[in-house]
C-alpha atoms as a PDB file:
ATOM      1  CA  MET A   1     112.681  69.317 139.217  1.00  0.00           C
ATOM      2  CA  THR A   2     115.264  66.638 140.014  1.00  0.00           C
ATOM      3  CA  TYR A   3     116.349  65.851 143.532  1.00  0.00           C
ATOM      4  CA  SER A   4     119.719  64.350 144.272  1.00  0.00           C
ATOM      5  CA  ARG A   5     120.667  62.540 147.440  1.00  0.00           C
ATOM      6  CA  ASP A   6     124.177  61.582 148.335  1.00  0.00           C
ATOM      7  CA  THR A   7     123.962  57.864 148.985  1.00  0.00           C
ATOM      8  CA  LYS A   8     127.625  57.410 149.849  1.00  0.00           C
ATOM      9  CA  ALA A   9     129.305  57.627 153.229  1.00  0.00           C
ATOM     10  CA  ILE A  10     132.763  56.887 154.584  1.00  0.00           C
ATOM     11  CA  SER A  11     133.052  53.642 156.517  1.00  0.00           C
ATOM     12  CA  GLU A  12     134.666  54.147 159.909  1.00  0.00           C
ATOM     13  CA  LEU A  13     136.162  50.650 159.653  1.00  0.00           C
ATOM     14  CA  THR A  14     137.658  50.836 156.173  1.00  0.00           C
ATOM     15  CA  GLY A  15     137.935  54.554 155.461  1.00  0.00           C
ATOM     16  CA  GLN A  16     136.389  53.801 152.063  1.00  0.00           C
ATOM     17  CA  SER A  17     133.272  55.215 150.479  1.00  0.00           C
ATOM     18  CA  VAL A  18     130.307  52.834 150.724  1.00  0.00           C
ATOM     19  CA  SER A  19     126.715  53.017 149.600  1.00  0.00           C
ATOM     20  CA  THR A  20     124.350  53.896 152.409  1.00  0.00           C
ATOM     21  CA  TRP A  21     121.954  51.397 150.821  1.00  0.00           C
ATOM     22  CA  SER A  22     124.417  48.495 151.227  1.00  0.00           C
ATOM     23  CA  GLU A  23     124.295  45.644 153.699  1.00  0.00           C
ATOM     24  CA  GLU A  24     127.841  46.544 154.769  1.00  0.00           C
ATOM     25  CA  TRP A  25     126.690  50.042 155.783  1.00  0.00           C
ATOM     26  CA  ARG A  26     123.578  48.731 157.569  1.00  0.00           C
ATOM     27  CA  ILE A  27     125.655  46.370 159.689  1.00  0.00           C
ATOM     28  CA  GLU A  28     128.265  49.035 160.492  1.00  0.00           C
ATOM     29  CA  THR A  29     125.660  51.578 161.580  1.00  0.00           C
ATOM     30  CA  GLU A  30     123.884  48.914 163.637  1.00  0.00           C
ATOM     31  CA  ALA A  31     127.214  48.125 165.320  1.00  0.00           C
ATOM     32  CA  ARG A  32     127.720  51.827 166.095  1.00  0.00           C
ATOM     33  CA  ALA A  33     124.300  52.033 167.699  1.00  0.00           C
ATOM     34  CA  LEU A  34     125.019  48.909 169.770  1.00  0.00           C
ATOM     35  CA  LEU A  35     128.248  50.390 171.121  1.00  0.00           C
ATOM     36  CA  LYS A  36     126.187  53.230 172.577  1.00  0.00           C
ATOM     37  CA  MET A  37     123.936  50.776 174.454  1.00  0.00           C
ATOM     38  CA  SER A  38     124.436  49.322 177.910  1.00  0.00           C
ATOM     39  CA  LYS A  39     125.184  45.604 178.256  1.00  0.00           C
ATOM     40  CA  GLU A  40     121.572  44.982 179.311  1.00  0.00           C
ATOM     41  CA  GLN A  41     120.244  46.808 176.260  1.00  0.00           C
ATOM     42  CA  ARG A  42     122.568  44.809 173.984  1.00  0.00           C
ATOM     43  CA  ASP A  43     121.444  41.545 175.560  1.00  0.00           C
ATOM     44  CA  ALA A  44     117.812  42.497 174.919  1.00  0.00           C
ATOM     45  CA  PHE A  45     118.645  43.541 171.361  1.00  0.00           C
ATOM     46  CA  PHE A  46     120.194  40.155 170.582  1.00  0.00           C
ATOM     47  CA  ASN A  47     118.143  37.818 172.782  1.00  0.00           C
ATOM     48  CA  GLY A  48     114.813  39.603 173.071  1.00  0.00           C
ATOM     49  CA  ARG A  49     112.795  40.430 176.177  1.00  0.00           C
ATOM     50  CA  LYS A  50     110.049  38.873 178.245  1.00  0.00           C
ATOM     51  CA  ASP A  51     107.455  40.612 180.386  1.00  0.00           C
ATOM     52  CA  ALA A  52     106.860  39.949 184.098  1.00  0.00           C
ATOM     53  CA  ASP A  53     104.641  36.982 183.209  1.00  0.00           C
ATOM     54  CA  GLY A  54     107.349  35.390 181.078  1.00  0.00           C
ATOM     55  CA  ARG A  55     105.676  36.195 177.774  1.00  0.00           C
ATOM     56  CA  THR A  56     107.903  37.233 174.895  1.00  0.00           C
ATOM     57  CA  VAL A  57     107.691  40.968 174.291  1.00  0.00           C
ATOM     58  CA  ASP A  58     110.489  41.194 171.722  1.00  0.00           C
ATOM     59  CA  ARG A  59     112.178  38.254 169.987  1.00  0.00           C
ATOM     60  CA  GLY A  60     115.485  40.027 169.428  1.00  0.00           C
ATOM     61  CA  VAL A  61     117.867  39.672 166.507  1.00  0.00           C
ATOM     62  CA  ILE A  62     118.556  35.992 167.122  1.00  0.00           C
ATOM     63  CA  GLY A  63     114.858  35.174 167.114  1.00  0.00           C
ATOM     64  CA  ILE A  64     114.108  37.274 164.046  1.00  0.00           C
ATOM     65  CA  ARG A  65     117.204  37.085 161.823  1.00  0.00           C
ATOM     66  CA  GLY A  66     118.972  34.043 163.235  1.00  0.00           C
ATOM     67  CA  LEU A  67     122.211  33.297 165.039  1.00  0.00           C
ATOM     68  CA  GLU A  68     124.452  33.826 162.009  1.00  0.00           C
ATOM     69  CA  ALA A  69     123.193  37.395 161.509  1.00  0.00           C
ATOM     70  CA  ALA A  70     123.622  38.153 165.218  1.00  0.00           C
ATOM     71  CA  GLU A  71     127.189  36.828 165.152  1.00  0.00           C
ATOM     72  CA  GLU A  72     127.995  38.979 162.119  1.00  0.00           C
ATOM     73  CA  ILE A  73     126.728  42.094 163.897  1.00  0.00           C
ATOM     74  CA  LYS A  74     128.641  41.201 167.081  1.00  0.00           C
ATOM     75  CA  ALA A  75     131.858  40.646 165.088  1.00  0.00           C
ATOM     76  CA  THR A  76     131.469  44.032 163.388  1.00  0.00           C
ATOM     77  CA  MET A  77     130.773  45.662 166.750  1.00  0.00           C
ATOM     78  CA  GLU A  78     133.949  44.107 168.213  1.00  0.00           C
ATOM     79  CA  ARG A  79     136.023  45.203 165.181  1.00  0.00           C
ATOM     80  CA  LEU A  80     134.670  48.736 165.485  1.00  0.00           C
ATOM     81  CA  GLN A  81     135.394  48.806 169.209  1.00  0.00           C
ATOM     82  CA  ALA A  82     138.953  47.563 168.608  1.00  0.00           C
ATOM     83  CA  PHE A  83     139.421  50.110 165.818  1.00  0.00           C
ATOM     84  CA  ARG A  84     138.258  52.937 168.074  1.00  0.00           C
ATOM     85  CA  SER A  85     140.568  51.845 170.897  1.00  0.00           C
ATOM     86  CA  GLY A  86     143.544  51.855 168.543  1.00  0.00           C
ATOM     87  CA  SER A  87     144.158  48.087 168.411  1.00  0.00           C
ATOM     88  CA  LYS A  88     143.316  47.833 164.717  1.00  0.00           C
END
């Protein structure tokens, strides 16, 4: 028996079909998730969190993937937000 999975989706930003295994798709879906978060949640996502004693609980995207990756995600998030508001 052979199973087939559709590994293509339509990018909200480009309207084009993209592989759901691609880096482009990962970043776009991450940007979508971020737009659903509050500002505080986004700050924690990018910068990490500390507990009441000041110990790092979560390093965040900047601490794990680096500043360049965080800036790429933020830029995609801003493009998506602009696209959704009609100022493409």
